[in-house]
Amino acid sequence: QELRPKSLDIKQEELGDMVEKEMASTSEAIEDAVRRIEEMMSQARNESSGVKLEVNERILNSCTDLMKAIRLLVMTSTNLQKEIVESGRGAATTQEFYAKNSRWTEGLISASKAVGWGATQLVESADRVVLHTGKYEELIVCSHEIAASTAQLVAASKVKAEKSSRNLGRLQECSRNVNEMAANVVASTKSGQEQIEEKDTMDFSGMSLIKLKKEEMETQVKVLELEKRLEGERVRLGELRKQHYALAGTYNATEDGEAKPAPAPRRGILKKPPLAQKP
C-alpha cells in the first residue's frame, strides 16, 4: 500500500462520485472548447483576410472536428463504464464497486482529467495562433497529447470490459476517429505554417558581397546557438519524462486487474550521437 502511487487524496467511498464528476467536467470542458473555437472563427473572419484567413479557417475547422470526435468518445466511454459497473457489481452498490476496484477507478479519473486538460490546451494554443502571438508547434504538440490521452482513456475502460461489448467496439472506433482528426489538425497546421512562411520569402538580391558575407556569418552563429539549445531541451525533455513516469507510478493495468511495472525509458535515446574524430 505504501508503494502505490498517491495519485488521489480522497476516501475510497468518494471514488464513485469522483468518476461521475470528472466525466461531467470533461464533457463541459469540451463543450466550452467548441464554443470558444466558434467565437475565434467569427473573430478571424472580421480581423483577417486573404492567406491568413484561409489558414486560420482551415486550422479552426480541424480543431472543431477534433473536439466533436472527443465529445463522442467521452459519451461512449461513459456508457461503457455504466455497463461495466452494472455487469460487475452484483449485489454491491455502485460506490462499493468503485471502491473495490479503486486502482481501475483512479485510472479512469486520471485519463478523463488528461482528456479535458488536453482539449483546453488545444483551444488556448489555437487562440494564440489566430492572434499571431503563439507558435504553430504548440498546436501540433497539443494534438499529439490529446491522441495519447484518449488512448489512455480507452485502455482504462478496456481493462474490465467484456470483449463482446458493443460499447467497447464503439469506443475503439471513436478512438480511431480521434486519432484521425488529431492528424488532420497537425496536417492543417503544418500546411498553414508553410503558406505563411512562403508569403514572407526572403530576398537577398539587393545585398552587396560584404553584406551577404556578414549575414551568412550571423546566420551560422544562430544555427550553432539553436543546435546547442536543442540539445539542452532534449536532455530536459528526457528528465521531465522520467519524473512523469515516477509520479504516475509506472504501472500498466493487466486484464485481471493486477498491475505490473512499466518498462523504464531507455537512457540516452534523446542524446545527440558523438561527433566523429577528425583525422
Foldseek 3Di string as FASTA:
>chain_A
DVLFFPLDDDDLLCLLVLLVVLLVVLLVLLVVLLVLLVVLLVVLVVPDDDLLNVLLVQLSVLLNQLSVLVNVLSVLLVVLVVVLQVVPQVPHDSSVVCSVLVVLSSLLSVLSVQLSVLSNQLSVQSSCVSVVNHDLVSNLVSLVSNLVSLVSNLQSSVLRGDPPDPSNVVSVVSSVSSNVSSVSSNVSSVVSVVVVVVVVDDDPVPPDPVRVVVVVVVVVVVVVVVVVVQQVVLVVVVVVVQVVCVNVSQWRAHNVSDTDHHDHDDPPPSHDDDDDDDD
